[in-house]
Amino acid sequence: MFFIQSCSKRSGKARVLVFSKTSGWHHTSIPNGIAAITKLGQENDFIVDTTTNATYFNDDSLKNYSAVIFMSTTEEVLNQYQQVAFERYIQSGGGFVGVHAAADTEYDWGWYGRLVGGYFYDHPGINDSFPNVQEGVFNVVDQTNNSTKHLPKQWKRKDEFYSFKKLSDNVKVLLTIDENSYKGGKRMGNHPMAWYHEYDGGRAFYTALGHTEESFTDTLYLKHLLGGIQYAIGDNKKLDYAKAKSQPIPEENRFVKTTLTQGGFFEPTEMAILPNLDILITQRRGEILRYSDKTKDVKQVGFLNVH
C-alpha cells in the first residue's frame, strides 16, 4: 500500500520575501512597512527576508518562500525572465501579498494584473485639487476573514484612496470604501479596497491601504496585513514545480546567430520558412523574395500589387 501526496509541508518556519523595488514613485513608507512586517514575523513565527534586487526572482530562490510580498512596488520591476519565474512560483503553489502601490506595477504584464486583481487608476489629487491623503470610512464586507474580523463594521482612518481599472470579477472583496466619506478621485460606485482570491495555482491577497508611514504603527491595519500574509502563506507547503505551466525562457547566450544573407532588401515586412528551409520574404512595395537554402541566393519570385 502506498499514498501519493502532491505537496508536503515545509520543515521549520514559513519564510516570506518582501520585495520593494520601484521604477516610478517611491513611497517614503516603504522602510516602515518592511520594519513592520519584520516585526510581525518575529511575533507570529515566520521568517522575513527583504530585497529590492529583482534577480531573486528565479526558481532556485523563490522555491524557498511560502509568500512574496510586493511592498508598494511601482511600474516595471521585473524583466521577462523574472516574470516567468514568478509565474512559475505562483503556479507551483506560492502565495502573493500586494500592498498599496503593488497595483501600480507592471501594466504591460497582464498575468500580474490578474494576480493582483486590478490596476491602479487614480487617487484624490491627481485629476482634482483635493488632498491625496484624507480621512475616509471603510466598510467591512466580510467580517469572518482573519484580515478583517477584528475591524469595526465601519472603519474610519486616514490613507490615500486608490481607484482601480481592470478589476477582476473573481476576487473575494473584504473592504470597500464609502465614496461619500472623502472627496476626489474616480467614483467607482462599488469601490473595493482589499480582497483575496486563488489564482493560477496560488493564493493572492491585496490591500490598497498602506500609503502613510503611520499605517505601519496602526494596530488595526497591522492585524489586517497580518491576516493577508497568513492567507498567502497558507499551509506552508513545499512548492510543486511539476504544476508550473509557464516555461523558462532560454538565456540569449544559448543561441548562435548565423547570418544567411545581407543587403538586397527594401523594407521587408514578413517572412515564412518553407519545409525545405527556403525563406519567403515580402517587402512593403510588394516584392516577394525567396532565399534558397541550397544556393544561398535571394531572388524575386513574385509581386503583390499593394497599391
Protein backbone atom coordinates (compact mmCIF):
# COMPACT_ATOMS: atom_id res chain seq x y z
CA MET A 1 0.00 0.00 0.00
CA PHE A 2 1.25 3.48 -0.76
CA PHE A 3 -0.02 7.05 -0.60
CA ILE A 4 0.61 9.92 -3.00
CA GLN A 5 0.94 13.42 -1.60
CA SER A 6 1.06 16.33 -4.01
CA CYS A 7 2.85 18.67 -1.63
CA SER A 8 4.33 18.10 1.79
CA LYS A 9 4.61 20.71 4.49
CA ARG A 10 7.92 22.53 4.79
CA SER A 11 10.06 21.80 7.81
CA GLY A 12 10.62 24.75 10.14
CA LYS A 13 9.09 28.19 10.00
CA ALA A 14 7.47 29.72 6.96
CA ARG A 15 9.66 32.21 5.09
CA VAL A 16 8.40 35.26 3.19
CA LEU A 17 10.18 37.66 0.84
CA VAL A 18 9.39 41.38 0.95
CA PHE A 19 10.17 42.91 -2.47
CA SER A 20 10.22 46.71 -2.65
CA LYS A 21 11.80 47.70 -5.97
CA THR A 22 10.39 50.88 -7.53
CA SER A 23 10.78 52.31 -11.02
CA GLY A 24 8.25 55.11 -10.56
CA TRP A 25 7.00 56.84 -7.43
CA HIS A 26 8.90 55.72 -4.31
CA HIS A 27 6.78 55.74 -1.17
CA THR A 28 8.51 57.03 1.95
CA SER A 29 6.50 54.47 3.93
CA ILE A 30 8.37 51.51 2.39
CA PRO A 31 11.01 51.27 5.17
CA ASN A 32 8.21 51.50 7.74
CA GLY A 33 6.39 48.67 6.00
CA ILE A 34 9.50 46.49 5.88
CA ALA A 35 10.20 47.07 9.57
CA ALA A 36 6.57 46.35 10.48
CA ILE A 37 6.44 43.07 8.54
CA THR A 38 9.78 42.00 10.03
CA LYS A 39 8.30 42.59 13.50
CA LEU A 40 5.11 40.73 12.54
CA GLY A 41 7.27 37.79 11.53
CA GLN A 42 9.10 37.78 14.85
CA GLU A 43 5.81 37.89 16.75
CA ASN A 44 3.96 35.35 14.58
CA ASP A 45 6.60 32.74 13.85
CA PHE A 46 7.57 33.37 10.24
CA ILE A 47 10.92 34.48 8.79
CA VAL A 48 11.17 37.67 6.73
CA ASP A 49 13.75 38.35 4.02
CA THR A 50 13.79 41.70 2.20
CA THR A 51 15.20 42.84 -1.13
CA THR A 52 14.99 45.35 -3.96
CA ASN A 53 17.07 43.02 -6.15
CA ALA A 54 14.94 41.52 -8.93
CA THR A 55 17.48 38.76 -9.60
CA TYR A 56 15.93 36.97 -6.59
CA PHE A 57 13.13 36.08 -9.00
CA ASN A 58 14.37 32.72 -10.21
CA ASP A 59 13.25 29.17 -9.43
CA ASP A 60 16.12 28.39 -7.07
CA SER A 61 15.47 31.45 -4.87
CA LEU A 62 11.69 31.62 -4.96
CA LYS A 63 11.18 27.97 -4.03
CA ASN A 64 12.34 28.87 -0.51
CA TYR A 65 9.39 31.19 0.14
CA SER A 66 5.82 30.47 1.13
CA ALA A 67 4.78 34.01 0.14
CA VAL A 68 6.21 37.01 -1.71
CA ILE A 69 5.09 40.49 -0.61
CA PHE A 70 5.22 43.38 -3.09
CA MET A 71 5.66 46.39 -0.79
CA SER A 72 4.48 49.43 -2.80
CA THR A 73 6.41 48.45 -5.89
CA THR A 74 5.86 50.76 -8.88
CA GLU A 75 5.95 50.41 -12.67
CA GLU A 76 8.35 47.94 -14.32
CA VAL A 77 10.24 45.90 -11.71
CA LEU A 78 10.90 42.51 -13.37
CA ASN A 79 12.37 41.58 -16.75
CA GLN A 80 10.90 38.83 -18.92
CA TYR A 81 12.98 36.07 -17.30
CA GLN A 82 12.00 37.17 -13.80
CA GLN A 83 8.33 37.48 -14.78
CA VAL A 84 8.25 33.86 -15.96
CA ALA A 85 9.99 32.74 -12.75
CA PHE A 86 7.30 34.46 -10.69
CA GLU A 87 4.52 32.92 -12.78
CA ARG A 88 6.08 29.50 -12.19
CA TYR A 89 6.31 30.22 -8.47
CA ILE A 90 2.59 31.01 -8.18
CA GLN A 91 1.60 28.09 -10.42
CA SER A 92 3.58 25.78 -8.13
CA GLY A 93 1.51 26.84 -5.11
CA GLY A 94 3.18 30.06 -3.93
CA GLY A 95 1.50 33.00 -2.23
CA PHE A 96 1.37 36.71 -3.06
CA VAL A 97 0.61 39.81 -0.99
CA GLY A 98 0.27 43.18 -2.69
CA VAL A 99 0.48 46.32 -0.56
CA HIS A 100 -0.86 49.67 -1.84
CA ALA A 101 1.21 50.58 -4.94
CA ALA A 102 1.65 46.92 -5.88
CA ALA A 103 -1.38 47.73 -8.07
CA ASP A 104 0.68 50.49 -9.73
CA THR A 105 3.09 47.92 -11.13
CA GLU A 106 3.70 46.00 -14.39
CA TYR A 107 0.85 47.41 -16.51
CA ASP A 108 2.05 45.55 -19.60
CA TRP A 109 2.11 42.15 -17.87
CA GLY A 110 -1.50 41.03 -17.90
CA TRP A 111 -0.86 37.92 -15.81
CA TYR A 112 0.37 40.12 -12.96
CA GLY A 113 -2.66 42.40 -13.17
CA ARG A 114 -4.93 39.37 -12.86
CA LEU A 115 -2.87 38.09 -9.92
CA VAL A 116 -3.24 41.40 -8.07
CA GLY A 117 -6.90 41.61 -9.09
CA GLY A 118 -6.78 45.04 -10.72
CA TYR A 119 -4.59 48.01 -11.65
CA PHE A 120 -4.33 51.46 -10.08
CA TYR A 121 -6.30 54.16 -11.91
CA ASP A 122 -6.01 57.30 -9.74
CA HIS A 123 -6.37 58.81 -6.27
CA PRO A 124 -7.51 62.22 -4.99
CA GLY A 125 -5.09 64.96 -6.01
CA ILE A 126 -4.20 63.58 -9.45
CA ASN A 127 -7.12 64.79 -11.55
CA ASP A 128 -8.52 67.23 -8.97
CA SER A 129 -7.31 69.64 -6.29
CA PHE A 130 -8.22 67.59 -3.22
CA PRO A 131 -5.55 66.29 -0.80
CA ASN A 132 -4.23 62.85 -1.69
CA VAL A 133 -4.37 61.73 1.97
CA GLN A 134 -7.76 62.14 3.65
CA GLU A 135 -9.92 60.59 6.31
CA GLY A 136 -12.49 58.14 4.98
CA VAL A 137 -14.75 55.31 6.05
CA PHE A 138 -14.15 51.70 5.06
CA ASN A 139 -16.96 49.18 5.10
CA VAL A 140 -16.05 45.66 6.20
CA VAL A 141 -17.78 43.38 3.70
CA ASP A 142 -16.53 40.10 5.20
CA GLN A 143 -16.20 40.07 8.99
CA THR A 144 -15.24 36.38 9.14
CA ASN A 145 -11.87 36.67 7.39
CA ASN A 146 -8.68 36.75 9.51
CA SER A 147 -7.68 40.07 7.96
CA THR A 148 -10.95 41.82 8.84
CA LYS A 149 -12.68 40.01 11.74
CA HIS A 150 -11.03 42.35 14.29
CA LEU A 151 -12.23 45.50 12.49
CA PRO A 152 -15.31 47.58 13.26
CA LYS A 153 -18.08 47.26 10.67
CA GLN A 154 -17.30 50.84 9.63
CA TRP A 155 -13.63 51.68 9.97
CA LYS A 156 -12.61 55.35 9.88
CA ARG A 157 -8.95 56.05 9.06
CA LYS A 158 -6.60 58.25 7.01
CA ASP A 159 -4.95 56.95 3.88
CA GLU A 160 -4.57 57.54 0.16
CA PHE A 161 -7.64 56.12 -1.53
CA TYR A 162 -6.97 54.34 -4.80
CA SER A 163 -9.44 53.84 -7.61
CA PHE A 164 -8.90 50.90 -9.95
CA LYS A 165 -9.25 49.70 -13.52
CA LYS A 166 -9.43 46.17 -14.97
CA LEU A 167 -10.86 44.82 -11.73
CA SER A 168 -11.30 41.06 -11.68
CA ASP A 169 -14.75 39.58 -11.10
CA ASN A 170 -13.18 36.58 -9.39
CA VAL A 171 -11.77 38.25 -6.26
CA LYS A 172 -13.44 37.98 -2.85
CA VAL A 173 -13.85 41.52 -1.55
CA LEU A 174 -13.04 42.23 2.11
CA LEU A 175 -13.24 46.03 2.31
CA THR A 176 -14.98 48.73 0.31
CA ILE A 177 -14.81 52.47 0.85
CA ASP A 178 -17.70 54.87 1.27
CA GLU A 179 -17.15 57.34 -1.57
CA ASN A 180 -19.25 59.93 0.26
CA SER A 181 -16.74 59.97 3.13
CA TYR A 182 -13.96 61.68 1.13
CA LYS A 183 -13.51 63.95 -1.87
CA GLY A 184 -11.81 63.48 -5.21
CA GLY A 185 -10.61 60.56 -7.27
CA LYS A 186 -12.60 58.39 -9.65
CA ARG A 187 -16.09 57.47 -8.47
CA MET A 188 -16.49 53.72 -8.83
CA GLY A 189 -19.81 53.11 -7.05
CA ASN A 190 -18.96 49.74 -5.56
CA HIS A 191 -15.38 50.58 -4.59
CA PRO A 192 -13.31 47.64 -3.27
CA MET A 193 -10.13 48.37 -1.32
CA ALA A 194 -8.96 44.92 -0.15
CA TRP A 195 -9.59 41.42 -1.47
CA TYR A 196 -8.18 37.93 -1.88
CA HIS A 197 -8.52 35.03 -4.31
CA GLU A 198 -6.95 31.84 -5.58
CA TYR A 199 -5.19 32.44 -8.88
CA ASP A 200 -3.33 30.18 -11.31
CA GLY A 201 -2.44 27.60 -8.66
CA GLY A 202 -1.53 30.03 -5.88
CA ARG A 203 -3.05 32.47 -3.38
CA ALA A 204 -3.19 36.27 -3.67
CA PHE A 205 -4.16 38.98 -1.18
CA TYR A 206 -4.21 42.70 -1.96
CA THR A 207 -4.82 45.74 0.23
CA ALA A 208 -4.88 49.28 -1.13
CA LEU A 209 -4.15 50.60 2.36
CA GLY A 210 -0.63 51.47 3.45
CA HIS A 211 0.36 54.76 1.80
CA THR A 212 1.22 56.58 5.02
CA GLU A 213 4.10 55.92 7.37
CA GLU A 214 1.60 55.97 10.25
CA SER A 215 -0.19 52.95 8.77
CA PHE A 216 2.60 50.70 9.94
CA THR A 217 2.12 51.59 13.59
CA ASP A 218 -1.68 51.27 13.38
CA THR A 219 -2.62 48.10 15.29
CA LEU A 220 -5.84 47.56 13.32
CA TYR A 221 -4.06 47.92 9.99
CA LEU A 222 -1.20 45.63 11.03
CA LYS A 223 -3.65 42.88 12.01
CA HIS A 224 -5.34 43.38 8.64
CA LEU A 225 -1.99 42.99 6.86
CA LEU A 226 -1.01 40.01 9.01
CA GLY A 227 -4.21 38.19 8.08
CA GLY A 228 -3.37 38.68 4.41
CA ILE A 229 0.17 37.39 4.88
CA GLN A 230 -1.07 34.33 6.74
CA TYR A 231 -3.56 33.62 3.93
CA ALA A 232 -0.76 33.87 1.34
CA ILE A 233 1.46 31.53 3.40
CA GLY A 234 -1.39 29.02 3.55
CA ASP A 235 -0.35 25.64 4.95
CA ASN A 236 3.34 26.39 4.35
CA LYS A 237 3.67 23.56 1.83
CA LYS A 238 6.64 22.94 -0.40
CA LEU A 239 6.16 24.17 -3.93
CA ASP A 240 5.32 21.63 -6.63
CA TYR A 241 7.07 22.82 -9.78
CA ALA A 242 5.58 19.91 -11.71
CA LYS A 243 2.41 22.05 -11.78
CA ALA A 244 4.14 25.07 -13.35
CA LYS A 245 2.79 25.80 -16.83
CA SER A 246 4.99 28.75 -17.83
CA GLN A 247 8.22 27.54 -19.38
CA PRO A 248 11.55 29.22 -18.52
CA ILE A 249 12.87 31.50 -21.25
CA PRO A 250 16.22 30.24 -22.58
CA GLU A 251 19.09 32.64 -21.96
CA GLU A 252 20.24 34.52 -25.06
CA ASN A 253 23.78 33.12 -24.77
CA ARG A 254 22.39 29.65 -25.52
CA PHE A 255 21.74 30.61 -29.13
CA VAL A 256 24.13 31.05 -32.05
CA LYS A 257 23.21 33.71 -34.60
CA THR A 258 24.06 32.84 -38.19
CA THR A 259 23.78 35.45 -40.97
CA LEU A 260 22.14 33.88 -44.03
CA THR A 261 22.28 36.89 -46.33
CA GLN A 262 22.92 40.60 -46.07
CA GLY A 263 21.69 43.59 -48.07
CA GLY A 264 19.39 43.40 -51.06
CA PHE A 265 16.20 44.17 -49.12
CA PHE A 266 13.94 47.21 -49.12
CA GLU A 267 11.71 47.45 -46.04
CA PRO A 268 10.93 43.74 -45.58
CA THR A 269 7.65 43.24 -43.70
CA GLU A 270 7.10 39.49 -43.23
CA MET A 271 8.85 36.16 -43.66
CA ALA A 272 7.93 32.48 -43.72
CA ILE A 273 10.19 29.44 -43.53
CA LEU A 274 9.32 26.68 -46.00
CA PRO A 275 9.67 22.91 -45.28
CA ASN A 276 12.91 22.75 -47.31
CA LEU A 277 14.30 25.68 -45.21
CA ASP A 278 13.95 28.18 -48.06
CA ILE A 279 12.60 31.51 -46.81
CA LEU A 280 9.94 33.74 -48.39
CA ILE A 281 10.16 37.47 -47.67
CA THR A 282 7.58 40.11 -48.55
CA GLN A 283 8.51 43.79 -48.85
CA ARG A 284 6.48 46.94 -48.38
CA ARG A 285 6.45 47.73 -52.11
CA GLY A 286 5.01 44.28 -52.93
CA GLU A 287 8.01 42.19 -53.97
CA ILE A 288 8.08 38.55 -52.89
CA LEU A 289 11.65 37.32 -52.47
CA ARG A 290 12.91 33.79 -51.95
CA TYR A 291 16.09 32.86 -50.13
CA SER A 292 17.42 29.47 -51.29
CA ASP A 293 18.90 27.34 -48.55
CA LYS A 294 20.75 25.38 -51.23
CA THR A 295 22.33 28.19 -53.27
CA LYS A 296 22.26 30.89 -50.53
CA ASP A 297 20.91 33.36 -53.10
CA VAL A 298 17.93 35.73 -52.86
CA LYS A 299 15.71 36.11 -55.95
CA GLN A 300 12.38 37.79 -56.62
CA VAL A 301 9.72 35.15 -57.27
CA GLY A 302 6.53 37.22 -57.27
CA PHE A 303 4.88 40.58 -56.82
CA LEU A 304 1.83 41.81 -54.96
CA ASN A 305 0.08 44.91 -56.30
CA VAL A 306 -0.14 46.55 -52.88
CA HIS A 307 -1.08 49.91 -54.40
